[in-house]
C-alpha atoms as a PDB file:
ATOM      1  CA  MET A   1       0.038  -0.022  -0.289  1.00  0.00           C
ATOM      2  CA  LYS A   2       1.405   3.440  -0.708  1.00  0.00           C
ATOM      3  CA  GLU A   3       1.326   6.043   1.493  1.00  0.00           C
ATOM      4  CA  TYR A   4      -1.103   8.354   0.034  1.00  0.00           C
ATOM      5  CA  GLU A   5      -3.297   5.314  -0.407  1.00  0.00           C
ATOM      6  CA  GLY A   6      -3.197   4.387   3.152  1.00  0.00           C
ATOM      7  CA  ASP A   7      -3.809   7.704   4.207  1.00  0.00           C
ATOM      8  CA  GLN A   8      -6.915   8.093   1.626  1.00  0.00           C
ATOM      9  CA  TYR A   9      -8.311   4.774   3.048  1.00  0.00           C
ATOM     10  CA  LEU A  10      -8.075   6.134   6.565  1.00  0.00           C
ATOM     11  CA  ASN A  11      -9.374   9.679   5.529  1.00  0.00           C
ATOM     12  CA  ILE A  12      -6.171  11.189   7.060  1.00  0.00           C
ATOM     13  CA  ALA A  13      -3.318  13.189   6.158  1.00  0.00           C
ATOM     14  CA  THR A  14       0.104  11.983   7.696  1.00  0.00           C
ATOM     15  CA  GLU A  15       2.483  11.834   5.166  1.00  0.00           C
ATOM     16  CA  GLY A  16       5.752  13.515   4.836  1.00  0.00           C
ATOM     17  CA  THR A  17       8.903  13.953   6.915  1.00  0.00           C
ATOM     18  CA  GLN A  18       9.277  17.117   9.017  1.00  0.00           C
ATOM     19  CA  TRP A  19      11.741  18.950  11.348  1.00  0.00           C
ATOM     20  CA  ILE A  20      10.324  20.652  14.085  1.00  0.00           C
ATOM     21  CA  SER A  21      11.418  23.199  16.510  1.00  0.00           C
ATOM     22  CA  GLU A  22      11.433  20.583  19.350  1.00  0.00           C
ATOM     23  CA  ALA A  23      13.729  18.578  17.346  1.00  0.00           C
ATOM     24  CA  THR A  24      16.888  18.947  19.630  1.00  0.00           C
ATOM     25  CA  LEU A  25      19.282  16.469  21.546  1.00  0.00           C
ATOM     26  CA  HIS A  26      16.407  14.883  23.290  1.00  0.00           C
ATOM     27  CA  HIS A  27      13.378  15.053  20.597  1.00  0.00           C
ATOM     28  CA  ASN A  28      13.630  13.838  17.053  1.00  0.00           C
ATOM     29  CA  ARG A  29      12.010  14.697  13.799  1.00  0.00           C
ATOM     30  CA  TYR A  30       8.603  13.721  12.602  1.00  0.00           C
ATOM     31  CA  GLU A  31       8.745  10.634  10.301  1.00  0.00           C
ATOM     32  CA  PRO A  32       5.383   8.096  10.194  1.00  0.00           C
ATOM     33  CA  THR A  33       6.348   4.418   9.928  1.00  0.00           C
ATOM     34  CA  PRO A  34       5.313   3.295   6.127  1.00  0.00           C
ATOM     35  CA  TYR A  35       2.102   1.447   5.807  1.00  0.00           C
ATOM     36  CA  ILE A  36       3.889  -1.570   4.301  1.00  0.00           C
ATOM     37  CA  HIS A  37       6.022  -2.137   7.649  1.00  0.00           C
ATOM     38  CA  LEU A  38       2.714  -1.844   9.527  1.00  0.00           C
ATOM     39  CA  LYS A  39       1.285  -4.529   7.977  1.00  0.00           C
ATOM     40  CA  GLU A  40       4.363  -6.687   8.120  1.00  0.00           C
ATOM     41  CA  LEU A  41       4.484  -6.017  11.911  1.00  0.00           C
ATOM     42  CA  PHE A  42       0.857  -6.702  12.908  1.00  0.00           C
ATOM     43  CA  ASN A  43       0.581  -9.854  10.368  1.00  0.00           C
ATOM     44  CA  ARG A  44       3.033 -11.232  12.731  1.00  0.00           C
ATOM     45  CA  HIS A  45       1.848  -9.846  15.918  1.00  0.00           C
ATOM     46  CA  PRO A  46      -1.902  -8.954  15.590  1.00  0.00           C
ATOM     47  CA  LEU A  47      -3.755  -7.003  18.137  1.00  0.00           C
ATOM     48  CA  ASN A  48      -6.783  -7.933  20.331  1.00  0.00           C
ATOM     49  CA  SER A  49      -9.818  -5.763  20.809  1.00  0.00           C
ATOM     50  CA  ASP A  50      -9.026  -5.753  24.565  1.00  0.00           C
ATOM     51  CA  ASP A  51      -5.340  -4.419  23.754  1.00  0.00           C
ATOM     52  CA  GLY A  52      -4.405  -0.769  24.270  1.00  0.00           C
ATOM     53  CA  LEU A  53      -1.706   0.524  22.375  1.00  0.00           C
ATOM     54  CA  VAL A  54       0.334   3.805  23.202  1.00  0.00           C
ATOM     55  CA  ASP A  55       2.273   5.437  20.444  1.00  0.00           C
ATOM     56  CA  PHE A  56       4.944   7.711  22.036  1.00  0.00           C
ATOM     57  CA  GLY A  57       6.008  10.694  19.483  1.00  0.00           C
ATOM     58  CA  CYS A  58       2.875   9.590  17.662  1.00  0.00           C
ATOM     59  CA  GLY A  59       3.098  12.938  15.470  1.00  0.00           C
ATOM     60  CA  LYS A  60      -0.265  13.046  13.485  1.00  0.00           C
ATOM     61  CA  GLY A  61      -1.719   9.913  14.631  1.00  0.00           C
ATOM     62  CA  ARG A  62      -1.145   7.273  11.682  1.00  0.00           C
ATOM     63  CA  LEU A  63      -0.291   4.143  14.005  1.00  0.00           C
ATOM     64  CA  ASN A  64      -3.335   5.214  16.048  1.00  0.00           C
ATOM     65  CA  PHE A  65      -5.789   4.831  13.215  1.00  0.00           C
ATOM     66  CA  TYR A  66      -4.355   2.084  11.447  1.00  0.00           C
ATOM     67  CA  VAL A  67      -4.417  -0.359  14.649  1.00  0.00           C
ATOM     68  CA  HIS A  68      -8.099   1.053  15.521  1.00  0.00           C
ATOM     69  CA  ASP A  69      -9.180   0.477  11.867  1.00  0.00           C
ATOM     70  CA  ARG A  70      -7.556  -3.301  11.808  1.00  0.00           C
ATOM     71  CA  PHE A  71      -8.380  -4.579  15.444  1.00  0.00           C
ATOM     72  CA  SER A  72     -10.974  -2.380  16.951  1.00  0.00           C
ATOM     73  CA  CYS A  73      -8.527  -1.775  19.896  1.00  0.00           C
ATOM     74  CA  ARG A  74      -7.915   1.461  21.898  1.00  0.00           C
ATOM     75  CA  ALA A  75      -4.934   3.554  20.754  1.00  0.00           C
ATOM     76  CA  THR A  76      -3.340   6.503  22.498  1.00  0.00           C
ATOM     77  CA  GLY A  77      -0.974   8.953  21.040  1.00  0.00           C
ATOM     78  CA  VAL A  78       1.631  10.845  23.054  1.00  0.00           C
ATOM     79  CA  GLU A  79       3.054  14.061  21.366  1.00  0.00           C
ATOM     80  CA  LEU A  80       5.169  16.909  22.388  1.00  0.00           C
ATOM     81  CA  ASN A  81       4.652  19.144  19.308  1.00  0.00           C
ATOM     82  CA  THR A  82       1.547  21.001  19.647  1.00  0.00           C
ATOM     83  CA  SER A  83       1.264  21.597  15.918  1.00  0.00           C
ATOM     84  CA  PHE A  84       1.162  17.735  15.374  1.00  0.00           C
ATOM     85  CA  CYS A  85      -1.525  17.362  18.040  1.00  0.00           C
ATOM     86  CA  GLY A  86      -3.764  19.797  16.444  1.00  0.00           C
ATOM     87  CA  GLU A  87      -3.237  17.764  13.143  1.00  0.00           C
ATOM     88  CA  ALA A  88      -3.799  14.255  15.105  1.00  0.00           C
ATOM     89  CA  GLN A  89      -7.113  15.750  16.351  1.00  0.00           C
ATOM     90  CA  GLN A  90      -8.039  16.972  12.879  1.00  0.00           C
ATOM     91  CA  ASN A  91      -7.157  13.446  11.409  1.00  0.00           C
ATOM     92  CA  LEU A  92      -9.604  11.964  14.280  1.00  0.00           C
ATOM     93  CA  GLU A  93     -12.263  14.152  13.236  1.00  0.00           C
ATOM     94  CA  ASN A  94     -12.086  13.218   9.629  1.00  0.00           C
ATOM     95  CA  TYR A  95     -11.442   9.572  10.533  1.00  0.00           C
ATOM     96  CA  SER A  96     -14.593   9.557  12.443  1.00  0.00           C
ATOM     97  CA  ARG A  97     -16.571  10.552   9.262  1.00  0.00           C
ATOM     98  CA  ILE A  98     -16.118   7.072   7.991  1.00  0.00           C
ATOM     99  CA  SER A  99     -19.137   5.501   8.767  1.00  0.00           C
ATOM    100  CA  ARG A 100     -17.491   2.169  10.389  1.00  0.00           C
ATOM    101  CA  HIS A 101     -15.471   4.461  12.574  1.00  0.00           C
ATOM    102  CA  ARG A 102     -18.294   7.130  13.790  1.00  0.00           C
ATOM    103  CA  LYS A 103     -17.337   6.115  17.697  1.00  0.00           C
ATOM    104  CA  ALA A 104     -13.727   6.289  17.158  1.00  0.00           C
ATOM    105  CA  ALA A 105     -13.272   8.970  19.700  1.00  0.00           C
ATOM    106  CA  GLU A 106     -14.360   6.531  22.333  1.00  0.00           C
ATOM    107  CA  TYR A 107     -11.199   4.355  21.545  1.00  0.00           C
ATOM    108  CA  ILE A 108      -8.762   6.806  20.191  1.00  0.00           C
ATOM    109  CA  ARG A 109      -7.146   9.766  22.068  1.00  0.00           C
ATOM    110  CA  PHE A 110      -4.240  12.057  21.895  1.00  0.00           C
ATOM    111  CA  ARG A 111      -2.379  13.522  24.551  1.00  0.00           C
ATOM    112  CA  CYS A 112      -0.051  16.604  24.241  1.00  0.00           C
ATOM    113  CA  GLY A 113       3.123  16.679  26.620  1.00  0.00           C
ATOM    114  CA  MET A 114       5.801  15.013  27.644  1.00  0.00           C
ATOM    115  CA  ALA A 115       6.287  11.386  27.303  1.00  0.00           C
ATOM    116  CA  GLN A 116       7.459  10.796  30.542  1.00  0.00           C
ATOM    117  CA  ASP A 117       4.552  12.672  32.114  1.00  0.00           C
ATOM    118  CA  TYR A 118       2.136  10.222  30.438  1.00  0.00           C
ATOM    119  CA  ASP A 119       0.163   8.341  33.121  1.00  0.00           C
ATOM    120  CA  VAL A 120       0.255   4.642  32.021  1.00  0.00           C
ATOM    121  CA  GLN A 121      -2.980   3.353  32.081  1.00  0.00           C
ATOM    122  CA  PRO A 122      -4.195  -0.415  33.330  1.00  0.00           C
ATOM    123  CA  GLN A 123      -5.512  -0.852  29.609  1.00  0.00           C
ATOM    124  CA  ASP A 124      -2.341  -0.049  28.114  1.00  0.00           C
ATOM    125  CA  THR A 125      -0.563  -3.331  26.866  1.00  0.00           C
ATOM    126  CA  VAL A 126       1.538  -2.225  23.649  1.00  0.00           C
ATOM    127  CA  PHE A 127       4.013   0.433  23.490  1.00  0.00           C
ATOM    128  CA  TYR A 128       5.608   1.641  20.352  1.00  0.00           C
ATOM    129  CA  PHE A 129       8.621   3.610  19.658  1.00  0.00           C
ATOM    130  CA  PHE A 130      10.220   5.143  16.368  1.00  0.00           C
ATOM    131  CA  ASN A 131      13.085   6.717  17.921  1.00  0.00           C
ATOM    132  CA  PRO A 132      10.946   9.701  19.331  1.00  0.00           C
ATOM    133  CA  PHE A 133      13.583  11.016  21.721  1.00  0.00           C
ATOM    134  CA  SER A 134      16.712  10.130  23.756  1.00  0.00           C
ATOM    135  CA  VAL A 135      17.263   7.251  25.690  1.00  0.00           C
ATOM    136  CA  GLN A 136      17.386   9.251  28.631  1.00  0.00           C
ATOM    137  CA  ILE A 137      13.629   9.913  28.349  1.00  0.00           C
ATOM    138  CA  PHE A 138      13.055   6.411  26.919  1.00  0.00           C
ATOM    139  CA  MET A 139      14.440   5.301  30.352  1.00  0.00           C
ATOM    140  CA  LYS A 140      12.175   7.228  32.279  1.00  0.00           C
ATOM    141  CA  VAL A 141       9.121   6.269  29.887  1.00  0.00           C
ATOM    142  CA  VAL A 142      10.084   2.219  30.526  1.00  0.00           C
ATOM    143  CA  ASP A 143      10.160   2.917  34.401  1.00  0.00           C
ATOM    144  CA  ASN A 144       6.769   4.350  34.110  1.00  0.00           C
ATOM    145  CA  ILE A 145       5.401   1.297  32.195  1.00  0.00           C
ATOM    146  CA  LEU A 146       7.040  -0.924  34.918  1.00  0.00           C
ATOM    147  CA  LYS A 147       5.494   0.807  37.859  1.00  0.00           C
ATOM    148  CA  SER A 148       2.240   0.453  36.128  1.00  0.00           C
ATOM    149  CA  ALA A 149       2.534  -3.216  35.784  1.00  0.00           C
ATOM    150  CA  GLU A 150       3.465  -3.590  39.361  1.00  0.00           C
ATOM    151  CA  THR A 151       0.047  -2.050  40.473  1.00  0.00           C
ATOM    152  CA  TYR A 152      -1.694  -3.887  37.341  1.00  0.00           C
ATOM    153  CA  PRO A 153      -0.080  -7.072  36.601  1.00  0.00           C
ATOM    154  CA  ARG A 154      -0.496  -7.854  32.918  1.00  0.00           C
ATOM    155  CA  ASP A 155       1.094  -8.931  29.826  1.00  0.00           C
ATOM    156  CA  MET A 156       2.681  -6.154  27.810  1.00  0.00           C
ATOM    157  CA  LYS A 157       5.015  -5.653  24.760  1.00  0.00           C
ATOM    158  CA  ILE A 158       7.439  -2.803  23.588  1.00  0.00           C
ATOM    159  CA  ILE A 159       7.933  -2.441  20.004  1.00  0.00           C
ATOM    160  CA  LEU A 160      10.857  -0.418  18.615  1.00  0.00           C
ATOM    161  CA  TYR A 161      10.993   0.754  14.882  1.00  0.00           C
ATOM    162  CA  TYR A 162      14.582   1.386  13.715  1.00  0.00           C
ATOM    163  CA  PRO A 163      15.804   0.422  17.166  1.00  0.00           C
ATOM    164  CA  THR A 164      18.930   2.280  18.327  1.00  0.00           C
ATOM    165  CA  ARG A 165      21.715   0.704  20.095  1.00  0.00           C
ATOM    166  CA  GLU A 166      21.100   2.709  23.354  1.00  0.00           C
ATOM    167  CA  TYR A 167      17.441   1.578  23.470  1.00  0.00           C
ATOM    168  CA  ILE A 168      18.466  -2.253  23.051  1.00  0.00           C
ATOM    169  CA  ASN A 169      21.225  -2.029  25.753  1.00  0.00           C
ATOM    170  CA  PHE A 170      18.728  -0.421  28.030  1.00  0.00           C
ATOM    171  CA  LEU A 171      16.046  -2.734  27.541  1.00  0.00           C
ATOM    172  CA  GLU A 172      18.152  -5.812  27.709  1.00  0.00           C
ATOM    173  CA  ARG A 173      20.629  -4.970  30.512  1.00  0.00           C
ATOM    174  CA  ASN A 174      18.165  -3.211  32.708  1.00  0.00           C
ATOM    175  CA  THR A 175      14.625  -4.340  32.506  1.00  0.00           C
ATOM    176  CA  VAL A 176      12.838  -7.463  32.693  1.00  0.00           C
ATOM    177  CA  PHE A 177      11.428  -6.987  28.952  1.00  0.00           C
ATOM    178  CA  GLU A 178      12.734 -10.177  26.723  1.00  0.00           C
ATOM    179  CA  LEU A 179      13.290  -9.837  23.082  1.00  0.00           C
ATOM    180  CA  LEU A 180      10.577 -12.012  21.450  1.00  0.00           C
ATOM    181  CA  GLU A 181      11.345 -11.452  17.960  1.00  0.00           C
ATOM    182  CA  GLU A 182      13.274  -9.286  15.276  1.00  0.00           C
ATOM    183  CA  ILE A 183      11.513  -8.548  12.440  1.00  0.00           C
ATOM    184  CA  GLY A 184      13.210  -7.744   8.952  1.00  0.00           C
ATOM    185  CA  LEU A 185      11.261  -5.653   6.643  1.00  0.00           C
ATOM    186  CA  PRO A 186      10.925  -5.183   2.931  1.00  0.00           C
ATOM    187  CA  ALA A 187      13.554  -2.743   1.663  1.00  0.00           C
ATOM    188  CA  ILE A 188      12.610   0.857   0.959  1.00  0.00           C
ATOM    189  CA  ASN A 189      15.692   2.573   1.493  1.00  0.00           C
ATOM    190  CA  LYS A 190      18.019  -0.420   1.952  1.00  0.00           C
ATOM    191  CA  ASN A 191      18.850   0.194   5.219  1.00  0.00           C
ATOM    192  CA  PRO A 192      19.712  -2.694   7.746  1.00  0.00           C
ATOM    193  CA  ALA A 193      18.482  -0.652  10.604  1.00  0.00           C
ATOM    194  CA  GLU A 194      15.014  -0.699   9.215  1.00  0.00           C
ATOM    195  CA  GLN A 195      13.435  -3.411  11.336  1.00  0.00           C
ATOM    196  CA  PHE A 196      11.207  -4.327  14.130  1.00  0.00           C
ATOM    197  CA  LEU A 197      12.238  -5.607  17.727  1.00  0.00           C
ATOM    198  CA  VAL A 198       9.491  -6.804  19.443  1.00  0.00           C
ATOM    199  CA  TYR A 199      10.047  -7.278  23.639  1.00  0.00           C
ATOM    200  CA  SER A 200       7.596  -8.989  25.723  1.00  0.00           C
ATOM    201  CA  TYR A 201       6.909  -8.784  29.593  1.00  0.00           C
ATOM    202  CA  SER A 202       4.668 -11.137  31.803  1.00  0.00           C
ATOM    203  CA  PRO A 203       4.300 -10.950  35.450  1.00  0.00           C
ATOM    204  CA  GLN A 204       5.237 -14.657  35.489  1.00  0.00           C
ATOM    205  CA  MET A 205       8.826 -13.330  34.391  1.00  0.00           C
ATOM    206  CA  ILE A 206       9.441 -11.853  37.793  1.00  0.00           C
END
């Protein structure tokens, strides 16, 4: 599926790569995950309707709409940039105009603010990162995820796209998350880093 075709199907606008004012040492540029890669990921790791996915650095919300359309699950986007938050909300309005998604606002939400300030919810089970920020912020976010699991034990996954060595080292050396699968992807830019790493956590692992 081409990028514009995916957006047309979902009645949203998420194409393009953009540098933003907050793209600094700790926060990176906006670039959505290609639809062809999302299809490959979720063919291997489908979600259930009772899952809750959180996309940290969601940009304009592409992943949120994709998983809701495909799995009817809850999806939360956390985004620092206020302009992108506004575009994500506009996309939600447009997405909700599709007859089958008229109640989408009950399942999709966007939170504008720092990722480390997001209050992880008991229904949040899958956490997605496309290198949105520095490893220092990533460490704080993962700590919040694990604290939530202490209060509300549940199976969880962390999905990394274009994983950095710093993210990988932290997860594998300093947390109870375990590598479940490494997913190579159809070449678009022929970049060997273009892959998903899926990590899993279960209360029985403690």
